[in-house]
Amino acid sequence: MRFHAATLPQMGDRKFLTDGGLETTLIFHDGLELPHFAAFDLLKTTPGRAALKAYYKPYIAAAAGGGYGFILDSATWRASRDWGDRLGYARHALAAANRQAIEMLVELEGEHAAQRLPMVINGAIGPRGDGYVVEAAMTPAEARLYHEEQIGWLADTAADMVTAYTMTHAAEAAGIALAARAAGMPCAISFTLETDGRLPSGEALADAIAAVDEISGGTVAYYMINCAHPTHFRSILTADAPFLPRLRGIRANASVRSHQELNEAADLDAGDPADLARHYAEMTRQLPSLSVLGGCCGTDHRHIAAIGASCGGCRAAA
C-alpha cells in the first residue's frame, strides 16, 4: 500500500478514469463464460489471465491519451466467501485469487511505467448478495465480520485501497468501512441507485452516506454512484445536497433500463457513448468535486474514451 486516504491522488485536482463494465464486456463482447458474474474465475487459466490483461489496455490508453490518471480495479468483485463457495473455491484458493488479481494490476502498471501515468491499484469488493436487490440485510457488525476476510487478503498485497461497489444498503457499506479501517486500508464506497435515485433498500443517498459516515467515524475516503444511468439520479444532485462534497466518483450504466429490465434482457444495451459522455460533461461542470469517472454495466472502452474526451477540460476541486 502506497497511499493513505488523504494522499490518494484522486483526492487532488487531477481527474482519474476507470474501466467500464468488466463482466458485461467479457461476456457479451469477448464471448467468455463467467459463472455467477465472477471475473476472478478467469485467473485460474492462462487464456483467462490473458483476456483480463487485454481488457484493461484500451482503458489505460484512453487515460494516457487524455491526460488523466487511471484507477486499476481488480477483478475481485465476486471474490468473497459466499461467492467463492458457490464456485467451489476452497478458502486458500480464494485468497490466492485475490492476490493474483492485484499482482496482475501491478504487472500492468509496470508495463505502462514509461507513460508516467498516475495509477491507483484498487481492490474491488462486491456485496455479499446481489448488487440489484437487498437479498439479506446485514447489520454493520455482521457486514464487517463477513467482509474483513477479503479486505484482509487485499490489505496483504500491493493494493493502494479498496472500493465497495454496488452497495444496496447503508449497513453493509458501513461494515465494509469498519473492516477497511481496522485493516488500515483507504476505502471508497459506491452505491447502486434505482431509477428513482434511491438505493435498492429504499434509502435516500444522502441518508446512506450520512449513516456510513456516522458509523465509521467518517473514515471513508469518498463515495461514488454506480450501476445507474445518469438520468436516474441527476435530480438528486442539487446544489444544496449535503453529500456533494463527499461524492467524488460516478460509474454509470450505458443503458437507461431499470435493473429489472436489464436482468430480464437477453441482449446487451450499450446505449449511446456520445450521449453518456455529454451527461458526464454536464455533471463535472455541476459537481467540481468529481474526480473519478468510469462506467458500469454495458459500458466499454468506447464509452470511457468518449467520457474522457468530453471531460478533459474539467478539473476536480481539491
C-alpha atoms as a PDB file:
ATOM      1  CA  MET A   1       0.000   0.000   0.000  1.00  0.00           C
ATOM      2  CA  ARG A   2       1.481   3.309  -1.100  1.00  0.00           C
ATOM      3  CA  PHE A   3      -1.202   5.743  -0.012  1.00  0.00           C
ATOM      4  CA  HIS A   4      -3.321   6.729   2.930  1.00  0.00           C
ATOM      5  CA  ALA A   5      -6.851   8.044   2.413  1.00  0.00           C
ATOM      6  CA  ALA A   6      -5.797  11.684   2.476  1.00  0.00           C
ATOM      7  CA  THR A   7      -2.970  11.147  -0.006  1.00  0.00           C
ATOM      8  CA  LEU A   8      -4.843   9.153  -2.645  1.00  0.00           C
ATOM      9  CA  PRO A   9      -4.025  11.019  -5.873  1.00  0.00           C
ATOM     10  CA  GLN A  10      -7.666  11.137  -6.964  1.00  0.00           C
ATOM     11  CA  MET A  11      -8.324  13.282  -3.890  1.00  0.00           C
ATOM     12  CA  GLY A  12      -6.451  16.119  -5.587  1.00  0.00           C
ATOM     13  CA  ASP A  13      -7.320  18.180  -8.638  1.00  0.00           C
ATOM     14  CA  ARG A  14      -6.398  15.640 -11.315  1.00  0.00           C
ATOM     15  CA  LYS A  15      -9.160  13.522 -12.750  1.00  0.00           C
ATOM     16  CA  PHE A  16      -8.901   9.739 -12.996  1.00  0.00           C
ATOM     17  CA  LEU A  17     -10.631   7.390 -15.389  1.00  0.00           C
ATOM     18  CA  THR A  18     -11.608   3.815 -14.573  1.00  0.00           C
ATOM     19  CA  ASP A  19     -12.583   0.900 -16.762  1.00  0.00           C
ATOM     20  CA  GLY A  20     -16.184   0.151 -17.741  1.00  0.00           C
ATOM     21  CA  GLY A  21     -18.392  -2.881 -17.327  1.00  0.00           C
ATOM     22  CA  LEU A  22     -15.820  -5.631 -16.863  1.00  0.00           C
ATOM     23  CA  GLU A  23     -18.251  -8.519 -16.653  1.00  0.00           C
ATOM     24  CA  THR A  24     -20.626  -7.357 -19.398  1.00  0.00           C
ATOM     25  CA  THR A  25     -17.690  -6.755 -21.741  1.00  0.00           C
ATOM     26  CA  LEU A  26     -16.156 -10.169 -21.109  1.00  0.00           C
ATOM     27  CA  ILE A  27     -19.490 -11.941 -21.564  1.00  0.00           C
ATOM     28  CA  PHE A  28     -21.123 -10.057 -24.436  1.00  0.00           C
ATOM     29  CA  HIS A  29     -18.112  -8.767 -26.382  1.00  0.00           C
ATOM     30  CA  ASP A  30     -15.489 -11.430 -25.699  1.00  0.00           C
ATOM     31  CA  GLY A  31     -17.848 -14.397 -25.505  1.00  0.00           C
ATOM     32  CA  LEU A  32     -16.458 -15.681 -22.206  1.00  0.00           C
ATOM     33  CA  GLU A  33     -18.404 -17.587 -19.572  1.00  0.00           C
ATOM     34  CA  LEU A  34     -18.436 -16.047 -16.108  1.00  0.00           C
ATOM     35  CA  PRO A  35     -20.285 -18.247 -13.625  1.00  0.00           C
ATOM     36  CA  HIS A  36     -22.131 -16.015 -11.153  1.00  0.00           C
ATOM     37  CA  PHE A  37     -20.631 -12.978 -12.939  1.00  0.00           C
ATOM     38  CA  ALA A  38     -17.290 -13.841 -11.318  1.00  0.00           C
ATOM     39  CA  ALA A  39     -14.496 -12.409 -13.453  1.00  0.00           C
ATOM     40  CA  PHE A  40     -11.843 -13.547 -10.990  1.00  0.00           C
ATOM     41  CA  ASP A  41     -12.547 -17.132 -12.078  1.00  0.00           C
ATOM     42  CA  LEU A  42     -10.607 -16.348 -15.276  1.00  0.00           C
ATOM     43  CA  LEU A  43      -7.399 -16.093 -13.268  1.00  0.00           C
ATOM     44  CA  LYS A  44      -7.163 -19.875 -12.972  1.00  0.00           C
ATOM     45  CA  THR A  45      -6.207 -20.368 -16.638  1.00  0.00           C
ATOM     46  CA  THR A  46      -3.573 -18.845 -18.901  1.00  0.00           C
ATOM     47  CA  PRO A  47      -6.123 -17.796 -21.581  1.00  0.00           C
ATOM     48  CA  GLY A  48      -8.320 -16.300 -18.872  1.00  0.00           C
ATOM     49  CA  ARG A  49      -5.484 -14.221 -17.455  1.00  0.00           C
ATOM     50  CA  ALA A  50      -4.580 -13.061 -20.958  1.00  0.00           C
ATOM     51  CA  ALA A  51      -8.180 -11.997 -21.590  1.00  0.00           C
ATOM     52  CA  LEU A  52      -8.232  -9.966 -18.401  1.00  0.00           C
ATOM     53  CA  LYS A  53      -4.966  -8.200 -19.179  1.00  0.00           C
ATOM     54  CA  ALA A  54      -6.124  -7.429 -22.707  1.00  0.00           C
ATOM     55  CA  TYR A  55      -9.353  -5.969 -21.309  1.00  0.00           C
ATOM     56  CA  TYR A  56      -7.581  -3.239 -19.346  1.00  0.00           C
ATOM     57  CA  LYS A  57      -5.238  -1.977 -22.056  1.00  0.00           C
ATOM     58  CA  PRO A  58      -7.583   0.201 -24.165  1.00  0.00           C
ATOM     59  CA  TYR A  59      -8.776   1.921 -20.994  1.00  0.00           C
ATOM     60  CA  ILE A  60      -5.222   2.715 -19.954  1.00  0.00           C
ATOM     61  CA  ALA A  61      -4.603   4.081 -23.439  1.00  0.00           C
ATOM     62  CA  ALA A  62      -7.669   6.330 -23.155  1.00  0.00           C
ATOM     63  CA  ALA A  63      -6.465   7.706 -19.828  1.00  0.00           C
ATOM     64  CA  ALA A  64      -2.941   8.297 -21.095  1.00  0.00           C
ATOM     65  CA  GLY A  65      -4.175   9.964 -24.270  1.00  0.00           C
ATOM     66  CA  GLY A  66      -6.451  12.325 -22.370  1.00  0.00           C
ATOM     67  CA  GLY A  67      -4.007  13.303 -19.659  1.00  0.00           C
ATOM     68  CA  TYR A  68      -5.917  11.527 -16.909  1.00  0.00           C
ATOM     69  CA  GLY A  69      -4.753   9.277 -14.137  1.00  0.00           C
ATOM     70  CA  PHE A  70      -6.142   5.751 -14.087  1.00  0.00           C
ATOM     71  CA  ILE A  71      -7.614   3.542 -11.374  1.00  0.00           C
ATOM     72  CA  LEU A  72      -6.843  -0.129 -11.942  1.00  0.00           C
ATOM     73  CA  ASP A  73      -9.722  -2.096 -10.434  1.00  0.00           C
ATOM     74  CA  SER A  74      -9.123  -5.740  -9.627  1.00  0.00           C
ATOM     75  CA  ALA A  75     -11.438  -8.463 -10.940  1.00  0.00           C
ATOM     76  CA  THR A  76     -12.424  -9.391  -7.379  1.00  0.00           C
ATOM     77  CA  TRP A  77     -15.970  -8.029  -7.123  1.00  0.00           C
ATOM     78  CA  ARG A  78     -17.231 -11.597  -6.578  1.00  0.00           C
ATOM     79  CA  ALA A  79     -14.142 -12.933  -4.767  1.00  0.00           C
ATOM     80  CA  SER A  80     -15.591 -13.112  -1.266  1.00  0.00           C
ATOM     81  CA  ARG A  81     -16.527 -16.148   0.791  1.00  0.00           C
ATOM     82  CA  ASP A  82     -20.133 -16.832  -0.202  1.00  0.00           C
ATOM     83  CA  TRP A  83     -19.487 -16.410  -3.910  1.00  0.00           C
ATOM     84  CA  GLY A  84     -16.314 -18.470  -3.663  1.00  0.00           C
ATOM     85  CA  ASP A  85     -18.313 -21.246  -2.025  1.00  0.00           C
ATOM     86  CA  ARG A  86     -20.818 -21.208  -4.890  1.00  0.00           C
ATOM     87  CA  LEU A  87     -17.953 -21.537  -7.344  1.00  0.00           C
ATOM     88  CA  GLY A  88     -16.285 -24.363  -5.406  1.00  0.00           C
ATOM     89  CA  TYR A  89     -13.239 -22.391  -4.208  1.00  0.00           C
ATOM     90  CA  ALA A  90     -11.517 -23.530  -1.046  1.00  0.00           C
ATOM     91  CA  ARG A  91     -10.563 -20.648   1.235  1.00  0.00           C
ATOM     92  CA  HIS A  92      -6.858 -20.786   0.350  1.00  0.00           C
ATOM     93  CA  ALA A  93      -7.694 -20.759  -3.370  1.00  0.00           C
ATOM     94  CA  LEU A  94      -9.971 -17.759  -2.935  1.00  0.00           C
ATOM     95  CA  ALA A  95      -7.267 -15.904  -1.038  1.00  0.00           C
ATOM     96  CA  ALA A  96      -4.804 -16.738  -3.803  1.00  0.00           C
ATOM     97  CA  ALA A  97      -7.212 -15.419  -6.455  1.00  0.00           C
ATOM     98  CA  ASN A  98      -7.440 -12.075  -4.668  1.00  0.00           C
ATOM     99  CA  ARG A  99      -3.646 -11.870  -4.538  1.00  0.00           C
ATOM    100  CA  GLN A 100      -3.280 -12.866  -8.182  1.00  0.00           C
ATOM    101  CA  ALA A 101      -5.759 -10.228  -9.266  1.00  0.00           C
ATOM    102  CA  ILE A 102      -3.682  -7.500  -7.621  1.00  0.00           C
ATOM    103  CA  GLU A 103      -0.423  -8.972  -8.943  1.00  0.00           C
ATOM    104  CA  MET A 104      -1.848  -8.668 -12.470  1.00  0.00           C
ATOM    105  CA  LEU A 105      -2.545  -4.975 -11.912  1.00  0.00           C
ATOM    106  CA  VAL A 106       0.980  -4.436 -10.624  1.00  0.00           C
ATOM    107  CA  GLU A 107       2.264  -6.022 -13.834  1.00  0.00           C
ATOM    108  CA  LEU A 108       0.067  -3.737 -15.931  1.00  0.00           C
ATOM    109  CA  GLU A 109       1.268  -0.696 -14.023  1.00  0.00           C
ATOM    110  CA  GLY A 110       4.862  -1.714 -14.649  1.00  0.00           C
ATOM    111  CA  GLU A 111       4.236  -2.286 -18.353  1.00  0.00           C
ATOM    112  CA  HIS A 112       2.973   1.290 -18.686  1.00  0.00           C
ATOM    113  CA  ALA A 113       5.528   2.970 -16.417  1.00  0.00           C
ATOM    114  CA  ALA A 114       7.164   4.748 -19.358  1.00  0.00           C
ATOM    115  CA  GLN A 115       3.971   6.740 -19.911  1.00  0.00           C
ATOM    116  CA  ARG A 116       4.307   8.328 -16.456  1.00  0.00           C
ATOM    117  CA  LEU A 117       0.603   7.778 -15.996  1.00  0.00           C
ATOM    118  CA  PRO A 118      -0.527   8.105 -12.357  1.00  0.00           C
ATOM    119  CA  MET A 119      -2.199   4.838 -11.404  1.00  0.00           C
ATOM    120  CA  VAL A 120      -4.007   3.638  -8.318  1.00  0.00           C
ATOM    121  CA  ILE A 121      -4.300  -0.093  -7.669  1.00  0.00           C
ATOM    122  CA  ASN A 122      -7.743  -0.717  -6.233  1.00  0.00           C
ATOM    123  CA  GLY A 123      -9.132  -3.892  -4.714  1.00  0.00           C
ATOM    124  CA  ALA A 124     -12.752  -4.191  -5.829  1.00  0.00           C
ATOM    125  CA  ILE A 125     -15.270  -5.586  -3.344  1.00  0.00           C
ATOM    126  CA  GLY A 126     -18.873  -6.514  -4.058  1.00  0.00           C
ATOM    127  CA  PRO A 127     -21.926  -7.067  -1.901  1.00  0.00           C
ATOM    128  CA  ARG A 128     -22.461 -10.330  -0.093  1.00  0.00           C
ATOM    129  CA  GLY A 129     -25.640 -10.809  -2.107  1.00  0.00           C
ATOM    130  CA  ASP A 130     -26.995  -9.424  -5.349  1.00  0.00           C
ATOM    131  CA  GLY A 131     -25.993  -5.948  -6.467  1.00  0.00           C
ATOM    132  CA  TYR A 132     -29.521  -5.043  -7.564  1.00  0.00           C
ATOM    133  CA  VAL A 133     -31.630  -6.098  -4.571  1.00  0.00           C
ATOM    134  CA  VAL A 134     -31.228  -6.445  -0.812  1.00  0.00           C
ATOM    135  CA  GLU A 135     -31.278 -10.228  -0.511  1.00  0.00           C
ATOM    136  CA  ALA A 136     -30.345 -10.406   3.152  1.00  0.00           C
ATOM    137  CA  ALA A 137     -29.821  -7.160   5.018  1.00  0.00           C
ATOM    138  CA  MET A 138     -26.929  -7.232   7.467  1.00  0.00           C
ATOM    139  CA  THR A 139     -26.057  -5.138  10.458  1.00  0.00           C
ATOM    140  CA  PRO A 140     -22.769  -3.215  10.272  1.00  0.00           C
ATOM    141  CA  ALA A 141     -21.235  -5.735  12.684  1.00  0.00           C
ATOM    142  CA  GLU A 142     -22.329  -8.680  10.525  1.00  0.00           C
ATOM    143  CA  ALA A 143     -21.047  -6.991   7.386  1.00  0.00           C
ATOM    144  CA  ARG A 144     -17.717  -6.217   8.997  1.00  0.00           C
ATOM    145  CA  LEU A 145     -17.305  -9.827  10.067  1.00  0.00           C
ATOM    146  CA  TYR A 146     -18.131 -11.077   6.564  1.00  0.00           C
ATOM    147  CA  HIS A 147     -16.033  -8.639   4.527  1.00  0.00           C
ATOM    148  CA  GLU A 148     -12.977  -8.418   6.771  1.00  0.00           C
ATOM    149  CA  GLU A 149     -11.689 -11.690   5.338  1.00  0.00           C
ATOM    150  CA  GLN A 150     -11.427 -10.428   1.756  1.00  0.00           C
ATOM    151  CA  ILE A 151     -10.241  -6.995   2.850  1.00  0.00           C
ATOM    152  CA  GLY A 152      -7.537  -8.698   4.893  1.00  0.00           C
ATOM    153  CA  TRP A 153      -6.359 -10.618   1.840  1.00  0.00           C
ATOM    154  CA  LEU A 154      -6.256  -7.426  -0.230  1.00  0.00           C
ATOM    155  CA  ALA A 155      -4.503  -5.498   2.534  1.00  0.00           C
ATOM    156  CA  ASP A 156      -1.699  -8.052   2.334  1.00  0.00           C
ATOM    157  CA  THR A 157      -0.978  -7.106  -1.302  1.00  0.00           C
ATOM    158  CA  ALA A 158       0.254  -4.031  -3.167  1.00  0.00           C
ATOM    159  CA  ALA A 159      -3.291  -2.638  -3.390  1.00  0.00           C
ATOM    160  CA  ASP A 160      -3.490   1.067  -2.586  1.00  0.00           C
ATOM    161  CA  MET A 161      -7.119   0.981  -1.484  1.00  0.00           C
ATOM    162  CA  VAL A 162     -10.363  -0.945  -1.650  1.00  0.00           C
ATOM    163  CA  THR A 163     -13.681   0.133  -3.144  1.00  0.00           C
ATOM    164  CA  ALA A 164     -17.015  -1.497  -2.386  1.00  0.00           C
ATOM    165  CA  TYR A 165     -19.221  -1.389  -5.492  1.00  0.00           C
ATOM    166  CA  THR A 166     -22.967  -1.898  -5.976  1.00  0.00           C
ATOM    167  CA  MET A 167     -23.774  -1.458  -2.321  1.00  0.00           C
ATOM    168  CA  THR A 168     -27.520  -1.875  -1.847  1.00  0.00           C
ATOM    169  CA  HIS A 169     -27.927  -0.716   1.765  1.00  0.00           C
ATOM    170  CA  ALA A 170     -26.033   1.501   4.162  1.00  0.00           C
ATOM    171  CA  ALA A 171     -25.452  -1.088   6.886  1.00  0.00           C
ATOM    172  CA  GLU A 172     -23.366  -3.374   4.674  1.00  0.00           C
ATOM    173  CA  ALA A 173     -21.392  -0.408   3.382  1.00  0.00           C
ATOM    174  CA  ALA A 174     -20.722   0.711   6.945  1.00  0.00           C
ATOM    175  CA  GLY A 175     -19.452  -2.746   7.881  1.00  0.00           C
ATOM    176  CA  ILE A 176     -17.031  -2.658   4.950  1.00  0.00           C
ATOM    177  CA  ALA A 177     -15.822   0.769   6.037  1.00  0.00           C
ATOM    178  CA  LEU A 178     -15.210  -0.563   9.548  1.00  0.00           C
ATOM    179  CA  ALA A 179     -13.320  -3.589   8.224  1.00  0.00           C
ATOM    180  CA  ALA A 180     -11.181  -1.396   5.963  1.00  0.00           C
ATOM    181  CA  ARG A 181     -10.399   0.949   8.849  1.00  0.00           C
ATOM    182  CA  ALA A 182      -9.311  -1.981  11.004  1.00  0.00           C
ATOM    183  CA  ALA A 183      -7.071  -3.246   8.187  1.00  0.00           C
ATOM    184  CA  GLY A 184      -5.546   0.184   7.609  1.00  0.00           C
ATOM    185  CA  MET A 185      -6.835   0.332   4.028  1.00  0.00           C
ATOM    186  CA  PRO A 186      -8.171   3.502   2.401  1.00  0.00           C
ATOM    187  CA  CYS A 187     -11.743   2.788   1.353  1.00  0.00           C
ATOM    188  CA  ALA A 188     -14.319   4.193  -1.061  1.00  0.00           C
ATOM    189  CA  ILE A 189     -17.991   3.232  -1.114  1.00  0.00           C
ATOM    190  CA  SER A 190     -20.117   3.141  -4.272  1.00  0.00           C
ATOM    191  CA  PHE A 191     -23.883   2.773  -4.074  1.00  0.00           C
ATOM    192  CA  THR A 192     -26.249   1.197  -6.587  1.00  0.00           C
ATOM    193  CA  LEU A 193     -29.163   3.511  -7.359  1.00  0.00           C
ATOM    194  CA  GLU A 194     -32.568   2.755  -8.825  1.00  0.00           C
ATOM    195  CA  THR A 195     -34.470   4.782 -11.414  1.00  0.00           C
ATOM    196  CA  ASP A 196     -35.810   6.996  -8.607  1.00  0.00           C
ATOM    197  CA  GLY A 197     -32.321   7.866  -7.375  1.00  0.00           C
ATOM    198  CA  ARG A 198     -32.662   5.768  -4.217  1.00  0.00           C
ATOM    199  CA  LEU A 199     -30.744   2.691  -3.089  1.00  0.00           C
ATOM    200  CA  PRO A 200     -32.414  -0.709  -3.671  1.00  0.00           C
ATOM    201  CA  SER A 201     -33.170  -0.648   0.066  1.00  0.00           C
ATOM    202  CA  GLY A 202     -35.264   2.477  -0.461  1.00  0.00           C
ATOM    203  CA  GLU A 203     -32.779   4.647   1.429  1.00  0.00           C
ATOM    204  CA  ALA A 204     -32.007   8.098   0.072  1.00  0.00           C
ATOM    205  CA  LEU A 205     -28.380   8.515  -0.982  1.00  0.00           C
ATOM    206  CA  ALA A 206     -27.912  11.425   1.424  1.00  0.00           C
ATOM    207  CA  ASP A 207     -29.162   9.314   4.318  1.00  0.00           C
ATOM    208  CA  ALA A 208     -26.987   6.330   3.359  1.00  0.00           C
ATOM    209  CA  ILE A 209     -23.831   8.442   3.175  1.00  0.00           C
ATOM    210  CA  ALA A 210     -24.640  10.151   6.472  1.00  0.00           C
ATOM    211  CA  ALA A 211     -25.244   6.784   8.151  1.00  0.00           C
ATOM    212  CA  VAL A 212     -22.000   5.260   6.920  1.00  0.00           C
ATOM    213  CA  ASP A 213     -20.014   8.328   7.947  1.00  0.00           C
ATOM    214  CA  GLU A 214     -21.573   8.277  11.415  1.00  0.00           C
ATOM    215  CA  ILE A 215     -20.968   4.566  11.994  1.00  0.00           C
ATOM    216  CA  SER A 216     -17.439   4.539  10.543  1.00  0.00           C
ATOM    217  CA  GLY A 217     -16.301   7.815  12.045  1.00  0.00           C
ATOM    218  CA  GLY A 218     -16.014   9.499   8.650  1.00  0.00           C
ATOM    219  CA  THR A 219     -13.107   7.299   7.570  1.00  0.00           C
ATOM    220  CA  VAL A 220     -14.455   6.573   4.065  1.00  0.00           C
ATOM    221  CA  ALA A 221     -12.196   8.447   1.650  1.00  0.00           C
ATOM    222  CA  TYR A 222     -15.063   9.281  -0.705  1.00  0.00           C
ATOM    223  CA  TYR A 223     -18.335   7.992  -2.123  1.00  0.00           C
ATOM    224  CA  MET A 224     -19.434   7.040  -5.616  1.00  0.00           C
ATOM    225  CA  ILE A 225     -22.554   6.189  -7.590  1.00  0.00           C
ATOM    226  CA  ASN A 226     -22.565   3.208  -9.926  1.00  0.00           C
ATOM    227  CA  CYS A 227     -24.860   0.855 -11.832  1.00  0.00           C
ATOM    228  CA  ALA A 228     -27.428   3.503 -12.800  1.00  0.00           C
ATOM    229  CA  HIS A 229     -27.853   5.772 -15.818  1.00  0.00           C
ATOM    230  CA  PRO A 230     -27.316   9.496 -15.137  1.00  0.00           C
ATOM    231  CA  THR A 231     -30.977  10.192 -15.894  1.00  0.00           C
ATOM    232  CA  HIS A 232     -31.855   8.048 -12.874  1.00  0.00           C
ATOM    233  CA  PHE A 233     -30.003  10.218 -10.364  1.00  0.00           C
ATOM    234  CA  ARG A 234     -29.391  13.660 -11.855  1.00  0.00           C
ATOM    235  CA  SER A 235     -32.416  15.009  -9.965  1.00  0.00           C
ATOM    236  CA  ILE A 236     -30.797  14.351  -6.579  1.00  0.00           C
ATOM    237  CA  LEU A 237     -27.543  16.149  -7.448  1.00  0.00           C
ATOM    238  CA  THR A 238     -28.851  19.535  -6.373  1.00  0.00           C
ATOM    239  CA  ALA A 239     -26.632  22.358  -5.226  1.00  0.00           C
ATOM    240  CA  ASP A 240     -27.881  22.064  -1.641  1.00  0.00           C
ATOM    241  CA  ALA A 241     -27.456  18.276  -1.382  1.00  0.00           C
ATOM    242  CA  PRO A 242     -25.399  17.714   1.790  1.00  0.00           C
ATOM    243  CA  PHE A 243     -23.468  14.761   0.375  1.00  0.00           C
ATOM    244  CA  LEU A 244     -21.994  16.531  -2.672  1.00  0.00           C
ATOM    245  CA  PRO A 245     -18.588  17.276  -1.077  1.00  0.00           C
ATOM    246  CA  ARG A 246     -18.252  13.548  -0.304  1.00  0.00           C
ATOM    247  CA  LEU A 247     -19.220  12.418  -3.817  1.00  0.00           C
ATOM    248  CA  ARG A 248     -16.115  12.087  -5.969  1.00  0.00           C
ATOM    249  CA  GLY A 249     -16.919   9.307  -8.428  1.00  0.00           C
ATOM    250  CA  ILE A 250     -19.516   8.124 -10.913  1.00  0.00           C
ATOM    251  CA  ARG A 251     -19.559   4.832 -12.809  1.00  0.00           C
ATOM    252  CA  ALA A 252     -22.829   4.943 -14.697  1.00  0.00           C
ATOM    253  CA  ASN A 253     -24.598   2.334 -16.789  1.00  0.00           C
ATOM    254  CA  ALA A 254     -24.801   2.793 -20.536  1.00  0.00           C
ATOM    255  CA  SER A 255     -28.471   1.827 -20.586  1.00  0.00           C
ATOM    256  CA  VAL A 256     -31.484   3.764 -19.306  1.00  0.00           C
ATOM    257  CA  ARG A 257     -33.196   0.446 -18.494  1.00  0.00           C
ATOM    258  CA  SER A 258     -34.135  -0.393 -14.932  1.00  0.00           C
ATOM    259  CA  HIS A 259     -32.301  -3.159 -13.098  1.00  0.00           C
ATOM    260  CA  GLN A 260     -35.266  -5.472 -13.577  1.00  0.00           C
ATOM    261  CA  GLU A 261     -35.264  -4.788 -17.320  1.00  0.00           C
ATOM    262  CA  LEU A 262     -31.516  -5.393 -17.502  1.00  0.00           C
ATOM    263  CA  ASN A 263     -31.884  -8.678 -15.642  1.00  0.00           C
ATOM    264  CA  GLU A 264     -34.596  -9.871 -17.985  1.00  0.00           C
ATOM    265  CA  ALA A 265     -32.918  -8.744 -21.208  1.00  0.00           C
ATOM    266  CA  ALA A 266     -31.176 -11.293 -23.411  1.00  0.00           C
ATOM    267  CA  ASP A 267     -29.137  -8.617 -25.166  1.00  0.00           C
ATOM    268  CA  LEU A 268     -26.588  -6.037 -24.068  1.00  0.00           C
ATOM    269  CA  ASP A 269     -27.860  -2.461 -24.188  1.00  0.00           C
ATOM    270  CA  ALA A 270     -24.722  -0.405 -24.823  1.00  0.00           C
ATOM    271  CA  GLY A 271     -26.651   2.840 -25.082  1.00  0.00           C
ATOM    272  CA  ASP A 272     -25.007   5.781 -26.855  1.00  0.00           C
ATOM    273  CA  PRO A 273     -21.390   6.533 -25.818  1.00  0.00           C
ATOM    274  CA  ALA A 274     -21.607  10.128 -27.054  1.00  0.00           C
ATOM    275  CA  ASP A 275     -24.832  10.782 -25.146  1.00  0.00           C
ATOM    276  CA  LEU A 276     -23.430   9.231 -21.965  1.00  0.00           C
ATOM    277  CA  ALA A 277     -20.332  11.405 -22.329  1.00  0.00           C
ATOM    278  CA  ARG A 278     -22.497  14.519 -22.578  1.00  0.00           C
ATOM    279  CA  HIS A 279     -24.115  13.621 -19.263  1.00  0.00           C
ATOM    280  CA  TYR A 280     -20.677  13.240 -17.683  1.00  0.00           C
ATOM    281  CA  ALA A 281     -19.505  16.593 -19.029  1.00  0.00           C
ATOM    282  CA  GLU A 282     -22.568  18.277 -17.541  1.00  0.00           C
ATOM    283  CA  MET A 283     -22.045  16.555 -14.189  1.00  0.00           C
ATOM    284  CA  THR A 284     -18.378  17.530 -13.965  1.00  0.00           C
ATOM    285  CA  ARG A 285     -19.311  21.145 -14.571  1.00  0.00           C
ATOM    286  CA  GLN A 286     -22.089  20.917 -11.995  1.00  0.00           C
ATOM    287  CA  LEU A 287     -20.041  18.963  -9.419  1.00  0.00           C
ATOM    288  CA  PRO A 288     -16.457  20.234  -9.240  1.00  0.00           C
ATOM    289  CA  SER A 289     -15.544  17.584  -6.650  1.00  0.00           C
ATOM    290  CA  LEU A 290     -15.932  14.732  -9.176  1.00  0.00           C
ATOM    291  CA  SER A 291     -12.539  13.199  -9.843  1.00  0.00           C
ATOM    292  CA  VAL A 292     -13.268   9.536 -10.688  1.00  0.00           C
ATOM    293  CA  LEU A 293     -15.058   8.912 -13.985  1.00  0.00           C
ATOM    294  CA  GLY A 294     -15.819   5.455 -15.300  1.00  0.00           C
ATOM    295  CA  GLY A 295     -18.502   3.037 -16.385  1.00  0.00           C
ATOM    296  CA  CYS A 296     -20.582   0.139 -15.177  1.00  0.00           C
ATOM    297  CA  CYS A 297     -22.923  -2.340 -16.886  1.00  0.00           C
ATOM    298  CA  GLY A 298     -22.901  -2.134 -20.674  1.00  0.00           C
ATOM    299  CA  THR A 299     -20.035   0.340 -20.951  1.00  0.00           C
ATOM    300  CA  ASP A 300     -16.750  -0.481 -22.654  1.00  0.00           C
ATOM    301  CA  HIS A 301     -13.614   1.378 -23.751  1.00  0.00           C
ATOM    302  CA  ARG A 302     -15.603   3.374 -26.326  1.00  0.00           C
ATOM    303  CA  HIS A 303     -17.732   4.922 -23.601  1.00  0.00           C
ATOM    304  CA  ILE A 304     -14.728   5.715 -21.413  1.00  0.00           C
ATOM    305  CA  ALA A 305     -12.821   7.264 -24.329  1.00  0.00           C
ATOM    306  CA  ALA A 306     -15.848   9.446 -25.098  1.00  0.00           C
ATOM    307  CA  ILE A 307     -16.186  10.450 -21.446  1.00  0.00           C
ATOM    308  CA  GLY A 308     -12.502  11.310 -21.315  1.00  0.00           C
ATOM    309  CA  ALA A 309     -12.752  13.446 -24.437  1.00  0.00           C
ATOM    310  CA  SER A 310     -15.823  15.278 -23.106  1.00  0.00           C
ATOM    311  CA  CYS A 311     -14.489  15.942 -19.605  1.00  0.00           C
ATOM    312  CA  GLY A 312     -10.847  16.705 -20.329  1.00  0.00           C
ATOM    313  CA  GLY A 313     -11.260  20.390 -19.708  1.00  0.00           C
ATOM    314  CA  CYS A 314     -12.872  19.947 -16.286  1.00  0.00           C
ATOM    315  CA  ARG A 315     -10.688  19.636 -13.186  1.00  0.00           C
ATOM    316  CA  ALA A 316     -11.752  18.274  -9.838  1.00  0.00           C
ATOM    317  CA  ALA A 317     -11.732  20.528  -6.811  1.00  0.00           C
ATOM    318  CA  ALA A 318      -9.339  19.540  -4.036  1.00  0.00           C
END
